[in-house]
């Protein structure tokens, strides 16, 4: 599985960004796709996840109500719409994939994209 994340950038607090994660390599029928982030000096943390089939979603409390994860099966792409951004959302965002059920810990994901930097200025 190959993952390519894009869409990061610099945005003012209160603004919005949409991240994309293009997936390739195999059918994803039994996969969950996740977004994680890592701020400088901090551990990588879970943001959101979605099932490829059915669209079951789950969010970290810190982003619930502000971020929305979605997928376009025809394009093999997962999105993370980020609204009402805060300075504490500043991080490198990674997309990841795992075969099987819903999980939120990084070691439980098998494949990772290269990361895209999101910087929120206050």
N, C-alpha and C. Protein backbone atom coordinates (compact mmCIF):
# COMPACT_ATOMS: atom_id res chain seq x y z
N UNK A 1 0.85 -1.18 0.00
CA UNK A 1 0.00 0.00 0.00
C UNK A 1 0.89 1.24 0.00
N UNK A 2 0.60 2.15 -0.93
CA UNK A 2 1.34 3.42 -0.98
C UNK A 2 0.35 4.55 -0.70
N UNK A 3 0.80 5.48 0.12
CA UNK A 3 -0.04 6.60 0.52
C UNK A 3 0.69 7.91 0.26
N UNK A 4 -0.02 8.87 -0.29
CA UNK A 4 0.56 10.17 -0.60
C UNK A 4 -0.34 11.25 -0.03
N UNK A 5 0.16 11.92 1.00
CA UNK A 5 -0.60 12.99 1.64
C UNK A 5 -0.25 14.34 1.03
N UNK A 6 -1.24 15.22 0.97
CA UNK A 6 -1.02 16.56 0.44
C UNK A 6 -2.04 17.51 1.04
N UNK A 7 -1.84 18.81 0.81
CA UNK A 7 -2.83 19.80 1.21
C UNK A 7 -2.44 20.64 2.40
N UNK A 8 -1.31 20.37 3.02
CA UNK A 8 -0.89 21.18 4.15
C UNK A 8 -0.49 22.58 3.73
N UNK A 9 -0.30 23.44 4.72
CA UNK A 9 0.10 24.80 4.43
C UNK A 9 -0.01 25.67 5.66
N UNK A 10 0.10 26.97 5.41
CA UNK A 10 0.01 27.97 6.48
C UNK A 10 -1.38 28.60 6.45
N UNK A 11 -2.03 28.64 7.60
CA UNK A 11 -3.37 29.21 7.69
C UNK A 11 -3.50 29.96 9.01
N UNK A 12 -4.33 30.98 9.02
CA UNK A 12 -4.56 31.72 10.25
C UNK A 12 -5.54 30.96 11.14
N UNK A 13 -5.43 31.20 12.42
CA UNK A 13 -6.37 30.60 13.37
C UNK A 13 -7.80 30.95 12.96
N UNK A 14 -8.66 29.94 13.05
CA UNK A 14 -10.04 30.10 12.61
C UNK A 14 -10.27 29.72 11.16
N UNK A 15 -9.21 29.51 10.43
CA UNK A 15 -9.32 29.17 9.02
C UNK A 15 -9.51 27.68 8.79
N UNK A 16 -9.47 27.31 7.51
CA UNK A 16 -9.73 25.92 7.12
C UNK A 16 -8.67 25.42 6.14
N UNK A 17 -8.48 24.12 6.15
CA UNK A 17 -7.64 23.42 5.18
C UNK A 17 -8.26 22.06 4.91
N UNK A 18 -8.01 21.52 3.73
CA UNK A 18 -8.42 20.16 3.43
C UNK A 18 -7.20 19.35 3.02
N UNK A 19 -6.95 18.30 3.76
CA UNK A 19 -5.86 17.39 3.43
C UNK A 19 -6.40 16.24 2.59
N UNK A 20 -5.54 15.74 1.72
CA UNK A 20 -5.90 14.59 0.88
C UNK A 20 -4.87 13.50 1.06
N UNK A 21 -5.32 12.28 0.93
CA UNK A 21 -4.43 11.13 1.00
C UNK A 21 -4.80 10.19 -0.14
N UNK A 22 -3.95 10.12 -1.15
CA UNK A 22 -4.17 9.24 -2.29
C UNK A 22 -3.56 7.88 -1.99
N UNK A 23 -4.36 6.83 -2.15
CA UNK A 23 -3.92 5.48 -1.83
C UNK A 23 -3.82 4.64 -3.09
N UNK A 24 -2.84 3.76 -3.12
CA UNK A 24 -2.69 2.86 -4.25
C UNK A 24 -2.03 1.57 -3.80
N UNK A 25 -2.12 0.56 -4.62
CA UNK A 25 -1.39 -0.67 -4.36
C UNK A 25 -2.21 -1.92 -4.23
N UNK A 26 -3.43 -1.81 -3.74
CA UNK A 26 -4.23 -3.01 -3.58
C UNK A 26 -5.67 -2.62 -3.29
N UNK A 27 -6.61 -3.52 -3.36
CA UNK A 27 -7.97 -3.19 -2.95
C UNK A 27 -8.04 -2.88 -1.46
N UNK A 28 -8.89 -1.97 -1.08
CA UNK A 28 -8.93 -1.51 0.30
C UNK A 28 -10.22 -1.90 1.01
N UNK A 29 -10.86 -2.94 0.52
CA UNK A 29 -12.17 -3.29 1.02
C UNK A 29 -12.20 -3.51 2.52
N UNK A 30 -11.18 -4.10 3.09
CA UNK A 30 -11.17 -4.43 4.50
C UNK A 30 -10.24 -3.51 5.28
N UNK A 31 -10.12 -2.27 4.84
CA UNK A 31 -9.18 -1.34 5.43
C UNK A 31 -9.87 -0.22 6.20
N UNK A 32 -9.14 0.25 7.22
CA UNK A 32 -9.42 1.54 7.84
C UNK A 32 -8.29 2.49 7.45
N UNK A 33 -8.67 3.71 7.12
CA UNK A 33 -7.71 4.76 6.81
C UNK A 33 -7.72 5.76 7.96
N UNK A 34 -6.53 6.19 8.36
CA UNK A 34 -6.45 7.09 9.51
C UNK A 34 -5.62 8.31 9.23
N UNK A 35 -5.89 9.35 9.99
CA UNK A 35 -5.06 10.54 10.03
C UNK A 35 -4.46 10.66 11.43
N UNK A 36 -3.18 10.94 11.46
CA UNK A 36 -2.45 11.18 12.69
C UNK A 36 -1.69 12.48 12.55
N UNK A 37 -1.20 13.01 13.65
CA UNK A 37 -0.39 14.21 13.59
C UNK A 37 0.70 14.17 14.64
N UNK A 38 1.76 14.89 14.35
CA UNK A 38 2.89 14.94 15.27
C UNK A 38 3.41 16.37 15.32
N UNK A 39 3.28 16.97 16.49
CA UNK A 39 3.80 18.31 16.71
C UNK A 39 5.25 18.21 17.18
N UNK A 40 6.03 19.27 17.02
CA UNK A 40 7.43 19.24 17.43
C UNK A 40 7.58 18.86 18.90
N UNK A 41 8.42 17.88 19.18
CA UNK A 41 8.68 17.47 20.55
C UNK A 41 7.60 16.61 21.17
N UNK A 42 6.61 16.24 20.39
CA UNK A 42 5.51 15.43 20.93
C UNK A 42 5.39 14.11 20.19
N UNK A 43 4.69 13.19 20.79
CA UNK A 43 4.46 11.90 20.15
C UNK A 43 3.38 12.03 19.08
N UNK A 44 3.43 11.10 18.15
CA UNK A 44 2.40 11.06 17.12
C UNK A 44 1.07 10.69 17.77
N UNK A 45 0.02 11.42 17.40
CA UNK A 45 -1.27 11.18 18.01
C UNK A 45 -2.36 10.98 16.98
N UNK A 46 -3.36 10.24 17.38
CA UNK A 46 -4.50 9.93 16.53
C UNK A 46 -5.36 11.17 16.33
N UNK A 47 -5.87 11.32 15.10
CA UNK A 47 -6.79 12.41 14.77
C UNK A 47 -8.16 11.85 14.39
N UNK A 48 -8.18 10.96 13.40
CA UNK A 48 -9.45 10.45 12.91
C UNK A 48 -9.22 9.21 12.08
N UNK A 49 -10.27 8.41 11.91
CA UNK A 49 -10.19 7.23 11.07
C UNK A 49 -11.53 6.97 10.40
N UNK A 50 -11.48 6.27 9.27
CA UNK A 50 -12.69 5.95 8.52
C UNK A 50 -12.53 4.58 7.88
N UNK A 51 -13.61 3.83 7.85
CA UNK A 51 -13.57 2.53 7.17
C UNK A 51 -13.78 2.74 5.68
N UNK A 52 -13.03 1.97 4.89
CA UNK A 52 -13.14 2.13 3.45
C UNK A 52 -14.52 1.73 2.95
N UNK A 53 -15.07 0.68 3.50
CA UNK A 53 -16.42 0.25 3.16
C UNK A 53 -17.33 0.62 4.33
N UNK A 54 -18.38 1.33 4.02
CA UNK A 54 -19.34 1.69 5.06
C UNK A 54 -19.15 3.08 5.62
N UNK A 55 -17.92 3.57 5.61
CA UNK A 55 -17.68 4.93 6.06
C UNK A 55 -17.81 5.17 7.55
N UNK A 56 -17.59 4.14 8.36
CA UNK A 56 -17.60 4.35 9.81
C UNK A 56 -16.46 5.29 10.20
N UNK A 57 -16.77 6.29 11.01
CA UNK A 57 -15.76 7.27 11.40
C UNK A 57 -15.60 7.35 12.91
N UNK A 58 -14.44 7.87 13.29
CA UNK A 58 -14.14 8.07 14.71
C UNK A 58 -13.15 9.21 14.80
N UNK A 59 -13.31 10.05 15.84
CA UNK A 59 -12.47 11.24 15.98
C UNK A 59 -11.87 11.34 17.36
N UNK A 60 -10.71 11.95 17.43
CA UNK A 60 -10.15 12.35 18.71
C UNK A 60 -11.01 13.46 19.29
N UNK A 61 -11.12 13.51 20.59
CA UNK A 61 -11.94 14.53 21.23
C UNK A 61 -11.46 15.94 20.86
N UNK A 62 -10.17 16.10 20.67
CA UNK A 62 -9.60 17.42 20.41
C UNK A 62 -10.04 18.00 19.07
N UNK A 63 -10.51 17.17 18.14
CA UNK A 63 -10.89 17.66 16.82
C UNK A 63 -12.37 17.45 16.52
N UNK A 64 -13.06 16.78 17.40
CA UNK A 64 -14.47 16.47 17.17
C UNK A 64 -15.27 17.75 17.01
N UNK A 65 -16.09 17.79 15.96
CA UNK A 65 -16.89 18.97 15.68
C UNK A 65 -16.19 19.99 14.81
N UNK A 66 -14.88 19.85 14.63
CA UNK A 66 -14.13 20.79 13.78
C UNK A 66 -13.57 20.11 12.53
N UNK A 67 -13.19 18.86 12.66
CA UNK A 67 -12.61 18.11 11.54
C UNK A 67 -13.61 17.08 11.03
N UNK A 68 -13.57 16.83 9.73
CA UNK A 68 -14.42 15.81 9.12
C UNK A 68 -13.58 14.95 8.19
N UNK A 69 -13.63 13.66 8.40
CA UNK A 69 -12.93 12.71 7.54
C UNK A 69 -13.94 12.14 6.55
N UNK A 70 -13.49 11.93 5.32
CA UNK A 70 -14.35 11.35 4.30
C UNK A 70 -13.48 10.59 3.30
N UNK A 71 -14.14 9.83 2.42
CA UNK A 71 -13.37 9.12 1.39
C UNK A 71 -14.14 9.10 0.10
N UNK A 72 -13.38 9.04 -0.97
CA UNK A 72 -13.94 8.90 -2.32
C UNK A 72 -13.40 7.58 -2.85
N UNK A 73 -14.25 6.57 -2.82
CA UNK A 73 -13.78 5.23 -3.21
C UNK A 73 -13.34 5.17 -4.66
N UNK A 74 -14.01 5.93 -5.51
CA UNK A 74 -13.67 5.91 -6.93
C UNK A 74 -12.28 6.48 -7.18
N UNK A 75 -11.87 7.43 -6.35
CA UNK A 75 -10.56 8.07 -6.52
C UNK A 75 -9.52 7.48 -5.58
N UNK A 76 -9.91 6.51 -4.75
CA UNK A 76 -8.98 5.94 -3.76
C UNK A 76 -8.33 7.03 -2.92
N UNK A 77 -9.13 7.97 -2.48
CA UNK A 77 -8.60 9.13 -1.76
C UNK A 77 -9.40 9.36 -0.48
N UNK A 78 -8.69 9.67 0.58
CA UNK A 78 -9.29 10.02 1.85
C UNK A 78 -9.00 11.49 2.13
N UNK A 79 -9.96 12.18 2.69
CA UNK A 79 -9.82 13.60 2.96
C UNK A 79 -9.96 13.89 4.45
N UNK A 80 -9.34 14.98 4.85
CA UNK A 80 -9.56 15.49 6.20
C UNK A 80 -9.85 16.98 6.07
N UNK A 81 -11.10 17.34 6.23
CA UNK A 81 -11.50 18.74 6.21
C UNK A 81 -11.32 19.30 7.61
N UNK A 82 -10.51 20.33 7.72
CA UNK A 82 -10.19 20.91 9.02
C UNK A 82 -10.71 22.34 9.07
N UNK A 83 -11.64 22.58 9.94
CA UNK A 83 -12.23 23.91 10.12
C UNK A 83 -11.92 24.45 11.51
N UNK A 84 -12.11 25.74 11.68
CA UNK A 84 -11.88 26.39 12.98
C UNK A 84 -10.52 25.99 13.55
N UNK A 85 -9.51 26.10 12.73
CA UNK A 85 -8.18 25.65 13.13
C UNK A 85 -7.64 26.51 14.26
N UNK A 86 -6.89 25.85 15.13
CA UNK A 86 -6.27 26.50 16.28
C UNK A 86 -4.76 26.33 16.20
N UNK A 87 -4.05 27.15 16.94
CA UNK A 87 -2.59 27.06 16.92
C UNK A 87 -2.12 25.68 17.37
N UNK A 88 -2.86 25.07 18.26
CA UNK A 88 -2.47 23.75 18.74
C UNK A 88 -2.69 22.63 17.72
N UNK A 89 -3.30 22.95 16.59
CA UNK A 89 -3.42 21.98 15.50
C UNK A 89 -2.17 21.94 14.64
N UNK A 90 -1.24 22.83 14.88
CA UNK A 90 0.01 22.86 14.12
C UNK A 90 0.77 21.55 14.31
N UNK A 91 1.08 20.88 13.21
CA UNK A 91 1.75 19.58 13.27
C UNK A 91 2.01 19.09 11.86
N UNK A 92 2.80 18.05 11.76
CA UNK A 92 2.88 17.28 10.52
C UNK A 92 1.77 16.24 10.58
N UNK A 93 0.95 16.22 9.54
CA UNK A 93 -0.17 15.30 9.48
C UNK A 93 0.18 14.12 8.57
N UNK A 94 -0.10 12.94 9.06
CA UNK A 94 0.20 11.71 8.33
C UNK A 94 -1.08 10.93 8.07
N UNK A 95 -1.18 10.37 6.88
CA UNK A 95 -2.25 9.40 6.65
C UNK A 95 -1.66 8.00 6.78
N UNK A 96 -2.51 7.07 7.17
CA UNK A 96 -2.07 5.71 7.41
C UNK A 96 -3.19 4.74 7.07
N UNK A 97 -2.82 3.49 6.89
CA UNK A 97 -3.80 2.47 6.53
C UNK A 97 -3.55 1.21 7.34
N UNK A 98 -4.64 0.54 7.70
CA UNK A 98 -4.51 -0.73 8.38
C UNK A 98 -5.58 -1.66 7.85
N UNK A 99 -5.25 -2.91 7.79
CA UNK A 99 -6.20 -3.93 7.38
C UNK A 99 -6.87 -4.48 8.63
N UNK A 100 -8.18 -4.40 8.65
CA UNK A 100 -8.90 -4.91 9.81
C UNK A 100 -9.77 -3.84 10.43
N UNK A 101 -10.01 -3.97 11.75
CA UNK A 101 -10.95 -3.13 12.45
C UNK A 101 -10.41 -1.77 12.85
N UNK A 102 -11.30 -1.02 13.49
CA UNK A 102 -10.99 0.34 13.92
C UNK A 102 -9.95 0.31 15.03
N UNK A 103 -8.87 1.09 14.84
CA UNK A 103 -7.83 1.23 15.84
C UNK A 103 -7.37 2.68 15.85
N UNK A 104 -6.79 3.12 16.98
CA UNK A 104 -6.38 4.51 17.08
C UNK A 104 -4.93 4.69 17.48
N UNK A 105 -4.19 3.62 17.63
CA UNK A 105 -2.79 3.74 18.03
C UNK A 105 -1.87 3.55 16.82
N UNK A 106 -0.87 4.41 16.67
CA UNK A 106 0.00 4.35 15.50
C UNK A 106 0.62 2.98 15.21
N UNK A 107 1.09 2.23 16.21
CA UNK A 107 1.70 0.93 15.89
C UNK A 107 0.74 -0.06 15.24
N UNK A 108 -0.54 0.21 15.34
CA UNK A 108 -1.53 -0.71 14.78
C UNK A 108 -1.83 -0.45 13.31
N UNK A 109 -1.15 0.53 12.74
CA UNK A 109 -1.30 0.84 11.32
C UNK A 109 -0.09 0.31 10.56
N UNK A 110 -0.37 -0.23 9.38
CA UNK A 110 0.64 -0.96 8.62
C UNK A 110 1.40 -0.08 7.63
N UNK A 111 0.71 0.89 7.05
CA UNK A 111 1.30 1.69 5.99
C UNK A 111 1.13 3.17 6.32
N UNK A 112 2.15 3.96 5.94
CA UNK A 112 2.16 5.38 6.26
C UNK A 112 2.55 6.21 5.04
N UNK A 113 1.92 7.37 4.94
CA UNK A 113 2.35 8.34 3.95
C UNK A 113 3.49 9.18 4.50
N UNK A 114 3.94 10.14 3.70
CA UNK A 114 5.14 10.90 4.05
C UNK A 114 4.88 12.10 4.96
N UNK A 115 3.65 12.49 5.16
CA UNK A 115 3.35 13.62 6.03
C UNK A 115 3.25 14.93 5.27
N UNK A 116 2.37 15.78 5.77
CA UNK A 116 2.21 17.12 5.21
C UNK A 116 2.08 18.09 6.37
N UNK A 117 2.80 19.21 6.29
CA UNK A 117 2.89 20.15 7.40
C UNK A 117 1.72 21.13 7.39
N UNK A 118 1.07 21.25 8.54
CA UNK A 118 0.02 22.24 8.75
C UNK A 118 0.50 23.20 9.82
N UNK A 119 0.53 24.48 9.49
CA UNK A 119 0.95 25.51 10.44
C UNK A 119 -0.19 26.49 10.61
N UNK A 120 -0.64 26.66 11.85
CA UNK A 120 -1.73 27.57 12.15
C UNK A 120 -1.16 28.74 12.93
N UNK A 121 -1.27 29.92 12.38
CA UNK A 121 -0.74 31.12 13.03
C UNK A 121 -1.83 31.78 13.85
N UNK A 122 -1.44 32.25 15.02
CA UNK A 122 -2.43 32.88 15.92
C UNK A 122 -2.42 34.38 15.77
